[in-house]
N, C-alpha and C. Protein backbone atom coordinates (compact mmCIF):
# COMPACT_ATOMS: atom_id res chain seq x y z
N MET A 1 -22.34 -98.93 -26.77
CA MET A 1 -22.64 -97.56 -27.13
C MET A 1 -21.34 -96.82 -27.43
N LEU A 2 -21.27 -96.19 -28.56
CA LEU A 2 -20.09 -95.47 -29.01
C LEU A 2 -20.25 -94.00 -28.66
N LEU A 3 -19.28 -93.48 -27.94
CA LEU A 3 -19.29 -92.06 -27.57
C LEU A 3 -18.22 -91.34 -28.36
N THR A 4 -18.57 -90.25 -28.93
CA THR A 4 -17.57 -89.43 -29.61
C THR A 4 -17.58 -88.06 -28.96
N THR A 5 -16.41 -87.58 -28.71
CA THR A 5 -16.27 -86.27 -28.08
C THR A 5 -15.44 -85.39 -28.99
N LYS A 6 -15.88 -84.21 -29.21
CA LYS A 6 -15.11 -83.24 -29.99
C LYS A 6 -14.54 -82.22 -29.02
N PHE A 7 -13.25 -81.98 -29.16
CA PHE A 7 -12.58 -81.00 -28.33
C PHE A 7 -12.17 -79.82 -29.19
N ALA A 8 -12.45 -78.66 -28.74
CA ALA A 8 -12.00 -77.45 -29.43
C ALA A 8 -10.71 -77.01 -28.78
N PHE A 9 -9.69 -76.79 -29.59
CA PHE A 9 -8.41 -76.34 -29.07
C PHE A 9 -8.31 -74.84 -29.25
N HIS A 10 -8.09 -74.14 -28.16
CA HIS A 10 -7.91 -72.70 -28.20
C HIS A 10 -6.60 -72.36 -27.52
N ARG A 11 -5.78 -71.60 -28.20
CA ARG A 11 -4.51 -71.18 -27.60
C ARG A 11 -4.80 -70.20 -26.47
N ALA A 12 -4.00 -70.30 -25.43
CA ALA A 12 -4.14 -69.38 -24.30
C ALA A 12 -3.76 -67.96 -24.72
N GLU A 13 -2.81 -67.86 -25.65
CA GLU A 13 -2.37 -66.56 -26.12
C GLU A 13 -2.42 -66.53 -27.64
N LYS A 14 -2.82 -65.41 -28.19
CA LYS A 14 -2.86 -65.24 -29.64
C LYS A 14 -1.44 -65.18 -30.19
N ARG A 15 -1.27 -65.65 -31.41
CA ARG A 15 0.01 -65.56 -32.09
C ARG A 15 0.06 -64.28 -32.91
N ILE A 16 1.24 -63.70 -33.03
CA ILE A 16 1.47 -62.51 -33.84
C ILE A 16 2.31 -62.93 -35.04
N LEU A 17 1.84 -62.63 -36.24
CA LEU A 17 2.61 -62.91 -37.45
C LEU A 17 3.73 -61.89 -37.56
N ILE A 18 4.97 -62.36 -37.40
CA ILE A 18 6.11 -61.45 -37.46
C ILE A 18 7.38 -62.25 -37.77
N GLU A 19 8.22 -61.70 -38.63
CA GLU A 19 9.50 -62.31 -38.93
C GLU A 19 10.57 -61.65 -38.07
N ILE A 20 11.16 -62.45 -37.19
CA ILE A 20 12.22 -61.97 -36.32
C ILE A 20 13.46 -62.80 -36.61
N PRO A 21 14.57 -62.18 -36.95
CA PRO A 21 15.80 -62.92 -37.20
C PRO A 21 16.27 -63.61 -35.91
N MET A 22 16.54 -64.92 -36.00
CA MET A 22 16.89 -65.71 -34.82
C MET A 22 18.11 -66.58 -35.10
N LEU A 23 18.72 -67.05 -34.01
CA LEU A 23 19.80 -68.03 -34.07
C LEU A 23 19.36 -69.24 -33.26
N ILE A 24 19.56 -70.41 -33.83
CA ILE A 24 19.29 -71.67 -33.11
C ILE A 24 20.61 -72.37 -32.93
N ASN A 25 20.91 -72.77 -31.70
CA ASN A 25 22.12 -73.50 -31.38
C ASN A 25 21.70 -74.88 -30.91
N GLU A 26 22.14 -75.90 -31.62
CA GLU A 26 21.76 -77.27 -31.28
C GLU A 26 22.52 -77.77 -30.06
N HIS A 27 21.86 -78.65 -29.32
CA HIS A 27 22.49 -79.34 -28.19
C HIS A 27 22.88 -80.74 -28.67
N ARG A 28 23.98 -80.86 -29.30
CA ARG A 28 24.41 -82.15 -29.83
C ARG A 28 25.90 -82.29 -29.66
N GLU A 29 26.41 -83.47 -30.03
CA GLU A 29 27.85 -83.70 -29.96
C GLU A 29 28.61 -82.73 -30.88
N ALA A 30 28.01 -82.41 -32.03
CA ALA A 30 28.62 -81.47 -32.98
C ALA A 30 27.71 -80.26 -33.11
N PRO A 31 27.72 -79.37 -32.12
CA PRO A 31 26.80 -78.23 -32.15
C PRO A 31 27.10 -77.30 -33.33
N ARG A 32 26.03 -76.73 -33.86
CA ARG A 32 26.18 -75.72 -34.90
C ARG A 32 25.11 -74.66 -34.70
N ILE A 33 25.39 -73.48 -35.16
CA ILE A 33 24.44 -72.38 -35.04
C ILE A 33 23.80 -72.16 -36.40
N GLU A 34 22.49 -72.09 -36.41
CA GLU A 34 21.76 -71.85 -37.64
C GLU A 34 21.05 -70.51 -37.56
N SER A 35 21.16 -69.73 -38.61
CA SER A 35 20.48 -68.45 -38.71
C SER A 35 19.14 -68.67 -39.40
N THR A 36 18.06 -68.17 -38.79
CA THR A 36 16.72 -68.38 -39.33
C THR A 36 15.82 -67.23 -38.92
N PHE A 37 14.51 -67.42 -39.03
CA PHE A 37 13.57 -66.38 -38.59
C PHE A 37 12.26 -67.00 -38.16
N THR A 38 11.52 -66.25 -37.36
CA THR A 38 10.22 -66.72 -36.89
C THR A 38 9.17 -66.47 -37.96
N GLU A 39 8.09 -67.22 -37.85
CA GLU A 39 6.92 -67.00 -38.70
C GLU A 39 5.82 -66.33 -37.88
N ASN A 40 5.67 -66.81 -36.63
CA ASN A 40 4.74 -66.17 -35.70
C ASN A 40 5.22 -66.43 -34.28
N VAL A 41 4.77 -65.61 -33.35
CA VAL A 41 5.25 -65.69 -31.96
C VAL A 41 4.13 -65.37 -30.98
N ASN A 42 4.35 -65.76 -29.74
CA ASN A 42 3.61 -65.22 -28.60
C ASN A 42 4.61 -65.14 -27.46
N ALA A 43 4.17 -64.89 -26.26
CA ALA A 43 5.10 -64.67 -25.15
C ALA A 43 5.89 -65.92 -24.75
N ARG A 44 5.35 -67.10 -25.02
CA ARG A 44 5.99 -68.34 -24.55
C ARG A 44 6.48 -69.27 -25.65
N ASN A 45 6.13 -68.95 -26.91
CA ASN A 45 6.43 -69.86 -28.01
C ASN A 45 6.74 -69.10 -29.29
N ALA A 46 7.28 -69.85 -30.25
CA ALA A 46 7.49 -69.29 -31.59
C ALA A 46 7.41 -70.42 -32.61
N ARG A 47 7.00 -70.07 -33.81
CA ARG A 47 7.06 -70.99 -34.94
C ARG A 47 8.20 -70.48 -35.80
N VAL A 48 9.17 -71.37 -36.04
CA VAL A 48 10.42 -71.00 -36.68
C VAL A 48 10.62 -71.83 -37.94
N LEU A 49 11.05 -71.18 -39.02
CA LEU A 49 11.36 -71.91 -40.24
C LEU A 49 12.80 -72.41 -40.15
N ASN A 50 13.01 -73.63 -40.62
CA ASN A 50 14.28 -74.30 -40.38
C ASN A 50 14.61 -75.21 -41.55
N VAL A 51 15.88 -75.57 -41.71
CA VAL A 51 16.29 -76.43 -42.83
C VAL A 51 16.34 -77.90 -42.49
N ARG A 52 16.29 -78.25 -41.22
CA ARG A 52 16.41 -79.67 -40.87
C ARG A 52 15.23 -80.15 -40.05
N ARG A 53 15.06 -81.45 -40.02
CA ARG A 53 14.00 -82.09 -39.23
C ARG A 53 14.44 -82.18 -37.76
N TRP A 54 13.54 -81.85 -36.88
CA TRP A 54 13.79 -81.94 -35.44
C TRP A 54 12.83 -82.97 -34.84
N LYS A 55 13.23 -83.53 -33.71
CA LYS A 55 12.36 -84.46 -32.99
C LYS A 55 11.63 -83.69 -31.88
N PRO A 56 10.36 -84.03 -31.62
CA PRO A 56 9.66 -83.41 -30.49
C PRO A 56 10.43 -83.61 -29.19
N SER A 57 10.44 -82.59 -28.36
CA SER A 57 11.14 -82.53 -27.07
C SER A 57 12.65 -82.36 -27.19
N GLU A 58 13.17 -82.27 -28.40
CA GLU A 58 14.60 -82.06 -28.58
C GLU A 58 14.98 -80.69 -28.03
N PRO A 59 16.04 -80.60 -27.22
CA PRO A 59 16.44 -79.31 -26.64
C PRO A 59 17.25 -78.47 -27.62
N LEU A 60 17.17 -77.16 -27.46
CA LEU A 60 17.97 -76.25 -28.26
C LEU A 60 18.12 -74.93 -27.52
N LYS A 61 19.03 -74.11 -28.00
CA LYS A 61 19.19 -72.73 -27.50
C LYS A 61 18.63 -71.81 -28.57
N PHE A 62 17.91 -70.80 -28.15
CA PHE A 62 17.19 -69.91 -29.04
C PHE A 62 17.57 -68.48 -28.68
N ALA A 63 17.96 -67.68 -29.66
CA ALA A 63 18.36 -66.29 -29.36
C ALA A 63 18.04 -65.38 -30.54
N SER A 64 17.68 -64.14 -30.22
CA SER A 64 17.51 -63.14 -31.28
C SER A 64 18.90 -62.78 -31.80
N ARG A 65 18.99 -62.41 -33.05
CA ARG A 65 20.29 -62.05 -33.62
C ARG A 65 20.87 -60.82 -32.95
N THR A 66 20.02 -59.96 -32.41
CA THR A 66 20.52 -58.77 -31.72
C THR A 66 21.08 -59.10 -30.34
N GLY A 67 20.73 -60.28 -29.81
CA GLY A 67 21.20 -60.67 -28.49
C GLY A 67 20.32 -60.18 -27.36
N GLU A 68 19.23 -59.49 -27.69
CA GLU A 68 18.34 -58.96 -26.65
C GLU A 68 17.51 -60.04 -25.97
N PHE A 69 17.35 -61.19 -26.62
CA PHE A 69 16.53 -62.27 -26.07
C PHE A 69 17.26 -63.60 -26.24
N ARG A 70 17.22 -64.40 -25.17
CA ARG A 70 17.82 -65.74 -25.19
C ARG A 70 16.95 -66.67 -24.36
N SER A 71 16.93 -67.94 -24.75
CA SER A 71 16.21 -68.92 -23.96
C SER A 71 16.64 -70.33 -24.34
N SER A 72 16.75 -71.20 -23.34
CA SER A 72 16.79 -72.61 -23.70
C SER A 72 15.35 -72.95 -24.08
N ALA A 73 15.20 -73.94 -24.92
CA ALA A 73 13.87 -74.24 -25.44
C ALA A 73 13.77 -75.72 -25.76
N ARG A 74 12.56 -76.13 -26.12
CA ARG A 74 12.35 -77.50 -26.59
C ARG A 74 11.47 -77.44 -27.82
N VAL A 75 11.63 -78.44 -28.67
CA VAL A 75 10.83 -78.53 -29.88
C VAL A 75 9.47 -79.11 -29.51
N ALA A 76 8.40 -78.40 -29.81
CA ALA A 76 7.05 -78.88 -29.54
C ALA A 76 6.55 -79.74 -30.71
N TYR A 77 6.90 -79.34 -31.94
CA TYR A 77 6.53 -80.11 -33.13
C TYR A 77 7.47 -79.74 -34.27
N CYS A 78 7.50 -80.59 -35.28
CA CYS A 78 8.26 -80.32 -36.49
C CYS A 78 7.37 -80.70 -37.67
N GLN A 79 7.10 -79.73 -38.53
CA GLN A 79 6.18 -79.92 -39.65
C GLN A 79 6.93 -79.72 -40.97
N SER A 80 6.85 -80.72 -41.85
CA SER A 80 7.46 -80.61 -43.17
C SER A 80 6.67 -79.59 -44.00
N LEU A 81 7.40 -78.72 -44.70
CA LEU A 81 6.75 -77.70 -45.52
C LEU A 81 6.67 -78.17 -46.97
N GLN A 82 5.69 -77.66 -47.71
CA GLN A 82 5.54 -78.03 -49.12
C GLN A 82 6.74 -77.58 -49.93
N SER A 83 7.28 -76.42 -49.57
CA SER A 83 8.50 -75.98 -50.22
C SER A 83 9.65 -76.74 -49.57
N GLU A 84 10.74 -76.13 -49.36
CA GLU A 84 11.86 -76.79 -48.69
C GLU A 84 11.81 -76.53 -47.20
N GLY A 85 12.36 -77.44 -46.44
CA GLY A 85 12.55 -77.23 -45.02
C GLY A 85 11.38 -77.61 -44.15
N PHE A 86 11.43 -77.09 -42.93
CA PHE A 86 10.49 -77.47 -41.89
C PHE A 86 10.08 -76.24 -41.10
N ALA A 87 8.96 -76.35 -40.45
CA ALA A 87 8.53 -75.35 -39.46
C ALA A 87 8.54 -76.06 -38.12
N ILE A 88 9.20 -75.47 -37.15
CA ILE A 88 9.23 -76.08 -35.82
C ILE A 88 8.54 -75.16 -34.82
N GLY A 89 7.80 -75.78 -33.93
CA GLY A 89 7.22 -75.06 -32.81
C GLY A 89 8.22 -75.10 -31.68
N VAL A 90 8.57 -73.96 -31.14
CA VAL A 90 9.58 -73.86 -30.08
C VAL A 90 8.91 -73.33 -28.82
N GLU A 91 9.09 -74.05 -27.72
CA GLU A 91 8.58 -73.62 -26.42
C GLU A 91 9.75 -73.10 -25.60
N PHE A 92 9.67 -71.84 -25.15
CA PHE A 92 10.72 -71.25 -24.33
C PHE A 92 10.68 -71.85 -22.93
N LEU A 93 11.84 -72.23 -22.39
CA LEU A 93 11.89 -72.83 -21.06
C LEU A 93 12.34 -71.84 -19.99
N ASN A 94 13.29 -71.00 -20.29
CA ASN A 94 13.72 -69.99 -19.32
C ASN A 94 14.14 -68.71 -20.05
N PRO A 95 13.15 -67.99 -20.58
CA PRO A 95 13.45 -66.79 -21.37
C PRO A 95 14.12 -65.69 -20.55
N LYS A 96 15.09 -65.04 -21.19
CA LYS A 96 15.79 -63.93 -20.56
C LYS A 96 15.92 -62.80 -21.57
N GLY A 97 15.69 -61.59 -21.11
CA GLY A 97 15.84 -60.45 -21.99
C GLY A 97 14.51 -59.98 -22.55
N ARG A 98 14.61 -59.12 -23.52
CA ARG A 98 13.44 -58.47 -24.10
C ARG A 98 12.95 -59.24 -25.32
N TRP A 99 11.73 -59.75 -25.23
CA TRP A 99 11.09 -60.46 -26.33
C TRP A 99 10.01 -59.55 -26.91
N VAL A 100 9.53 -59.86 -28.08
CA VAL A 100 8.55 -59.03 -28.78
C VAL A 100 7.25 -58.94 -28.02
N VAL A 101 6.84 -60.03 -27.41
CA VAL A 101 5.58 -60.11 -26.67
C VAL A 101 5.91 -60.48 -25.24
N GLN A 102 5.39 -59.73 -24.29
CA GLN A 102 5.66 -60.02 -22.89
C GLN A 102 4.56 -60.89 -22.29
N SER A 103 4.92 -61.75 -21.36
CA SER A 103 3.93 -62.60 -20.69
C SER A 103 3.00 -61.75 -19.85
N PRO A 104 1.71 -62.11 -19.81
CA PRO A 104 0.81 -61.38 -18.94
C PRO A 104 1.17 -61.64 -17.49
N LYS A 105 1.05 -60.65 -16.68
CA LYS A 105 1.42 -60.79 -15.24
C LYS A 105 0.28 -61.35 -14.44
């Protein structure tokens, strides 16, 4: 007997479509800072447009260009875009400062 189960995926928090100027600092032997922007955000994650391919779980530093928000983070996914570049899902690990969306208490 073949059983098929369909799972509906629902995000715990809604995403907000907003472009926020960001800086990504790689954790590598030759670190570099890349200037980019978000596509959408919530309190714990962001989707960021980027020029290079990232591996899932790859660590990085994430900061707003104003310096009001900083967090170490990890790459949740990396999606190739039809145009140039990639979209990466970023999960904040220890956010500090003022972010656009605050976590529910």
